[in-house]
Amino acid sequence: MAQSDQKPQDRAPSSIERDMEATRERLAETIDQLVHRASPKTIARREVATVKAYFVDAHGNPRTDNILKVAGGVVGFAVFVVVVRRLTR
């Protein structure tokens, strides 16, 4: 890295080139990390893991409270749709 006690014109060209190469490498690593994090496969895997974590605990046991909440919501919505369809006929 650049030494703070030296002025840019006092630095050797080889020192500047080393700093530039190190900066390029760090930037390339950062870009690679961003590309990986933004890839559709990575996003999908992350979201699937989030959903699984909602329904299954760390030991692989089902979280029945969350499962029952979702099942209740689905059944409630289905009943709502049936009632609305019957009322609109």
N, C-alpha and C. Protein backbone atom coordinates (compact mmCIF):
# COMPACT_ATOMS: atom_id res chain seq x y z
N MET A 1 0.83 -1.18 0.00
CA MET A 1 0.00 0.00 0.00
C MET A 1 0.88 1.24 0.00
N ALA A 2 0.26 2.36 -0.29
CA ALA A 2 0.99 3.61 -0.32
C ALA A 2 1.41 4.00 1.08
N GLN A 3 2.61 4.52 1.18
CA GLN A 3 3.07 5.00 2.48
C GLN A 3 2.62 6.44 2.63
N SER A 4 2.04 6.76 3.78
CA SER A 4 1.46 8.08 3.96
C SER A 4 2.51 9.17 4.15
N ASP A 5 3.75 8.79 4.50
CA ASP A 5 4.76 9.81 4.74
C ASP A 5 5.50 10.22 3.46
N GLN A 6 5.22 9.57 2.34
CA GLN A 6 5.87 9.91 1.08
C GLN A 6 4.87 10.61 0.16
N LYS A 7 5.36 11.58 -0.56
CA LYS A 7 4.55 12.26 -1.56
C LYS A 7 4.54 11.38 -2.82
N PRO A 8 3.48 11.44 -3.62
CA PRO A 8 3.41 10.59 -4.82
C PRO A 8 4.63 10.75 -5.73
N GLN A 9 5.16 11.96 -5.88
CA GLN A 9 6.30 12.15 -6.77
C GLN A 9 7.59 11.57 -6.19
N ASP A 10 7.63 11.28 -4.88
CA ASP A 10 8.82 10.71 -4.26
C ASP A 10 8.83 9.18 -4.32
N ARG A 11 7.75 8.58 -4.70
CA ARG A 11 7.66 7.11 -4.72
C ARG A 11 8.26 6.55 -6.01
N ALA A 12 8.83 5.39 -5.86
CA ALA A 12 9.42 4.71 -7.02
C ALA A 12 8.29 4.14 -7.88
N PRO A 13 8.47 4.12 -9.19
CA PRO A 13 7.45 3.56 -10.07
C PRO A 13 7.10 2.12 -9.73
N SER A 14 8.09 1.34 -9.31
CA SER A 14 7.81 -0.06 -8.97
C SER A 14 6.89 -0.15 -7.75
N SER A 15 7.04 0.76 -6.82
CA SER A 15 6.17 0.79 -5.63
C SER A 15 4.73 1.13 -6.03
N ILE A 16 4.60 2.09 -6.91
CA ILE A 16 3.27 2.48 -7.40
C ILE A 16 2.63 1.33 -8.16
N GLU A 17 3.43 0.64 -8.99
CA GLU A 17 2.90 -0.49 -9.75
C GLU A 17 2.44 -1.62 -8.82
N ARG A 18 3.21 -1.89 -7.75
CA ARG A 18 2.81 -2.92 -6.78
C ARG A 18 1.48 -2.54 -6.11
N ASP A 19 1.35 -1.28 -5.74
CA ASP A 19 0.11 -0.82 -5.12
C ASP A 19 -1.08 -0.95 -6.07
N MET A 20 -0.84 -0.60 -7.33
CA MET A 20 -1.91 -0.70 -8.32
C MET A 20 -2.31 -2.15 -8.54
N GLU A 21 -1.34 -3.07 -8.59
CA GLU A 21 -1.64 -4.49 -8.80
C GLU A 21 -2.40 -5.05 -7.59
N ALA A 22 -2.01 -4.67 -6.39
CA ALA A 22 -2.72 -5.13 -5.19
C ALA A 22 -4.16 -4.60 -5.19
N THR A 23 -4.33 -3.37 -5.60
CA THR A 23 -5.68 -2.79 -5.67
C THR A 23 -6.51 -3.51 -6.72
N ARG A 24 -5.92 -3.81 -7.87
CA ARG A 24 -6.63 -4.56 -8.92
C ARG A 24 -7.08 -5.93 -8.41
N GLU A 25 -6.20 -6.62 -7.70
CA GLU A 25 -6.55 -7.94 -7.17
C GLU A 25 -7.69 -7.87 -6.16
N ARG A 26 -7.64 -6.89 -5.27
CA ARG A 26 -8.73 -6.73 -4.29
C ARG A 26 -10.04 -6.41 -5.00
N LEU A 27 -9.98 -5.57 -6.00
CA LEU A 27 -11.18 -5.22 -6.76
C LEU A 27 -11.73 -6.43 -7.50
N ALA A 28 -10.85 -7.23 -8.09
CA ALA A 28 -11.29 -8.44 -8.80
C ALA A 28 -11.96 -9.42 -7.83
N GLU A 29 -11.41 -9.59 -6.63
CA GLU A 29 -12.02 -10.46 -5.63
C GLU A 29 -13.39 -9.95 -5.21
N THR A 30 -13.49 -8.65 -5.02
CA THR A 30 -14.77 -8.05 -4.63
C THR A 30 -15.82 -8.25 -5.72
N ILE A 31 -15.43 -8.05 -6.95
CA ILE A 31 -16.36 -8.24 -8.06
C ILE A 31 -16.80 -9.69 -8.15
N ASP A 32 -15.86 -10.62 -7.98
CA ASP A 32 -16.21 -12.05 -8.00
C ASP A 32 -17.22 -12.38 -6.90
N GLN A 33 -17.01 -11.83 -5.71
CA GLN A 33 -17.93 -12.06 -4.61
C GLN A 33 -19.32 -11.50 -4.93
N LEU A 34 -19.37 -10.31 -5.49
CA LEU A 34 -20.65 -9.70 -5.84
C LEU A 34 -21.38 -10.50 -6.93
N VAL A 35 -20.63 -10.97 -7.91
CA VAL A 35 -21.23 -11.77 -8.98
C VAL A 35 -21.82 -13.05 -8.40
N HIS A 36 -21.08 -13.69 -7.49
CA HIS A 36 -21.57 -14.92 -6.86
C HIS A 36 -22.83 -14.64 -6.04
N ARG A 37 -22.84 -13.58 -5.26
CA ARG A 37 -24.00 -13.26 -4.41
C ARG A 37 -25.22 -12.88 -5.23
N ALA A 38 -25.02 -12.33 -6.41
CA ALA A 38 -26.13 -11.87 -7.23
C ALA A 38 -26.58 -12.90 -8.27
N SER A 39 -25.92 -14.05 -8.31
CA SER A 39 -26.31 -15.04 -9.31
C SER A 39 -27.67 -15.64 -8.94
N PRO A 40 -28.50 -15.92 -9.91
CA PRO A 40 -29.83 -16.47 -9.63
C PRO A 40 -29.79 -17.77 -8.83
N LYS A 41 -28.83 -18.64 -9.11
CA LYS A 41 -28.73 -19.90 -8.36
C LYS A 41 -28.44 -19.65 -6.89
N THR A 42 -27.54 -18.72 -6.61
CA THR A 42 -27.20 -18.41 -5.23
C THR A 42 -28.40 -17.80 -4.51
N ILE A 43 -29.10 -16.91 -5.17
CA ILE A 43 -30.27 -16.29 -4.57
C ILE A 43 -31.34 -17.34 -4.29
N ALA A 44 -31.57 -18.23 -5.24
CA ALA A 44 -32.58 -19.28 -5.06
C ALA A 44 -32.20 -20.19 -3.90
N ARG A 45 -30.94 -20.60 -3.82
CA ARG A 45 -30.50 -21.46 -2.71
C ARG A 45 -30.68 -20.76 -1.37
N ARG A 46 -30.34 -19.49 -1.33
CA ARG A 46 -30.48 -18.73 -0.09
C ARG A 46 -31.94 -18.64 0.34
N GLU A 47 -32.83 -18.40 -0.62
CA GLU A 47 -34.26 -18.29 -0.29
C GLU A 47 -34.84 -19.64 0.12
N VAL A 48 -34.43 -20.72 -0.54
CA VAL A 48 -34.89 -22.06 -0.16
C VAL A 48 -34.43 -22.37 1.27
N ALA A 49 -33.21 -22.03 1.59
CA ALA A 49 -32.70 -22.27 2.95
C ALA A 49 -33.49 -21.46 3.97
N THR A 50 -33.88 -20.25 3.61
CA THR A 50 -34.68 -19.42 4.52
C THR A 50 -36.03 -20.04 4.77
N VAL A 51 -36.68 -20.52 3.72
CA VAL A 51 -38.00 -21.14 3.87
C VAL A 51 -37.88 -22.43 4.67
N LYS A 52 -36.87 -23.24 4.39
CA LYS A 52 -36.68 -24.48 5.14
C LYS A 52 -36.45 -24.19 6.61
N ALA A 53 -35.67 -23.16 6.90
CA ALA A 53 -35.39 -22.81 8.29
C ALA A 53 -36.66 -22.39 9.02
N TYR A 54 -37.64 -21.87 8.30
CA TYR A 54 -38.91 -21.47 8.91
C TYR A 54 -39.72 -22.69 9.33
N PHE A 55 -39.62 -23.77 8.57
CA PHE A 55 -40.43 -24.96 8.83
C PHE A 55 -39.68 -26.09 9.54
N VAL A 56 -38.35 -26.04 9.56
CA VAL A 56 -37.55 -27.10 10.18
C VAL A 56 -36.47 -26.44 11.04
N ASP A 57 -36.29 -26.95 12.28
CA ASP A 57 -35.27 -26.36 13.15
C ASP A 57 -33.88 -26.90 12.80
N ALA A 58 -32.89 -26.46 13.54
CA ALA A 58 -31.49 -26.82 13.25
C ALA A 58 -31.22 -28.31 13.40
N HIS A 59 -32.04 -29.01 14.18
CA HIS A 59 -31.85 -30.44 14.39
C HIS A 59 -32.63 -31.30 13.40
N GLY A 60 -33.35 -30.66 12.49
CA GLY A 60 -34.12 -31.38 11.49
C GLY A 60 -35.54 -31.72 11.92
N ASN A 61 -35.94 -31.22 13.09
CA ASN A 61 -37.29 -31.47 13.57
C ASN A 61 -38.25 -30.43 13.00
N PRO A 62 -39.48 -30.87 12.66
CA PRO A 62 -40.43 -29.90 12.11
C PRO A 62 -40.87 -28.89 13.16
N ARG A 63 -41.07 -27.67 12.72
CA ARG A 63 -41.60 -26.61 13.60
C ARG A 63 -43.11 -26.59 13.41
N THR A 64 -43.79 -27.37 14.22
CA THR A 64 -45.23 -27.56 14.04
C THR A 64 -46.00 -26.26 14.20
N ASP A 65 -45.54 -25.36 15.05
CA ASP A 65 -46.26 -24.10 15.22
C ASP A 65 -46.29 -23.31 13.91
N ASN A 66 -45.17 -23.23 13.22
CA ASN A 66 -45.14 -22.51 11.94
C ASN A 66 -45.90 -23.25 10.85
N ILE A 67 -45.80 -24.58 10.86
CA ILE A 67 -46.52 -25.38 9.86
C ILE A 67 -48.03 -25.20 10.04
N LEU A 68 -48.48 -25.22 11.30
CA LEU A 68 -49.91 -25.06 11.56
C LEU A 68 -50.41 -23.67 11.19
N LYS A 69 -49.58 -22.65 11.40
CA LYS A 69 -49.96 -21.29 11.00
C LYS A 69 -50.19 -21.21 9.49
N VAL A 70 -49.27 -21.75 8.74
CA VAL A 70 -49.39 -21.70 7.27
C VAL A 70 -50.57 -22.55 6.81
N ALA A 71 -50.70 -23.75 7.37
CA ALA A 71 -51.81 -24.62 6.98
C ALA A 71 -53.15 -23.95 7.31
N GLY A 72 -53.24 -23.32 8.47
CA GLY A 72 -54.46 -22.60 8.83
C GLY A 72 -54.77 -21.47 7.86
N GLY A 73 -53.75 -20.76 7.44
CA GLY A 73 -53.94 -19.68 6.47
C GLY A 73 -54.42 -20.20 5.14
N VAL A 74 -53.87 -21.32 4.69
CA VAL A 74 -54.26 -21.91 3.40
C VAL A 74 -55.71 -22.38 3.49
N VAL A 75 -56.07 -23.08 4.57
CA VAL A 75 -57.44 -23.56 4.73
C VAL A 75 -58.41 -22.38 4.83
N GLY A 76 -58.03 -21.36 5.57
CA GLY A 76 -58.87 -20.17 5.68
C GLY A 76 -59.10 -19.51 4.34
N PHE A 77 -58.06 -19.41 3.54
CA PHE A 77 -58.19 -18.80 2.22
C PHE A 77 -59.08 -19.65 1.32
N ALA A 78 -58.91 -20.97 1.38
CA ALA A 78 -59.74 -21.85 0.56
C ALA A 78 -61.21 -21.72 0.95
N VAL A 79 -61.50 -21.66 2.24
CA VAL A 79 -62.88 -21.48 2.70
C VAL A 79 -63.42 -20.13 2.22
N PHE A 80 -62.62 -19.11 2.29
CA PHE A 80 -63.03 -17.78 1.82
C PHE A 80 -63.39 -17.81 0.33
N VAL A 81 -62.56 -18.46 -0.47
CA VAL A 81 -62.82 -18.53 -1.91
C VAL A 81 -64.11 -19.29 -2.18
N VAL A 82 -64.33 -20.40 -1.48
CA VAL A 82 -65.56 -21.18 -1.68
C VAL A 82 -66.78 -20.35 -1.30
N VAL A 83 -66.72 -19.66 -0.18
CA VAL A 83 -67.86 -18.84 0.27
C VAL A 83 -68.13 -17.72 -0.73
N VAL A 84 -67.12 -17.04 -1.19
CA VAL A 84 -67.31 -15.96 -2.15
C VAL A 84 -67.91 -16.49 -3.45
N ARG A 85 -67.43 -17.63 -3.91
CA ARG A 85 -67.97 -18.20 -5.16
C ARG A 85 -69.44 -18.57 -5.01
N ARG A 86 -69.81 -19.09 -3.87
CA ARG A 86 -71.21 -19.47 -3.65
C ARG A 86 -72.09 -18.24 -3.53
N LEU A 87 -71.58 -17.18 -2.93
CA LEU A 87 -72.38 -15.97 -2.78
C LEU A 87 -72.56 -15.21 -4.08
N THR A 88 -71.63 -15.34 -4.98
CA THR A 88 -71.69 -14.60 -6.25
C THR A 88 -72.45 -15.34 -7.33
N ARG A 89 -72.94 -16.53 -7.05
CA ARG A 89 -73.69 -17.27 -8.07
C ARG A 89 -75.10 -16.83 -8.13
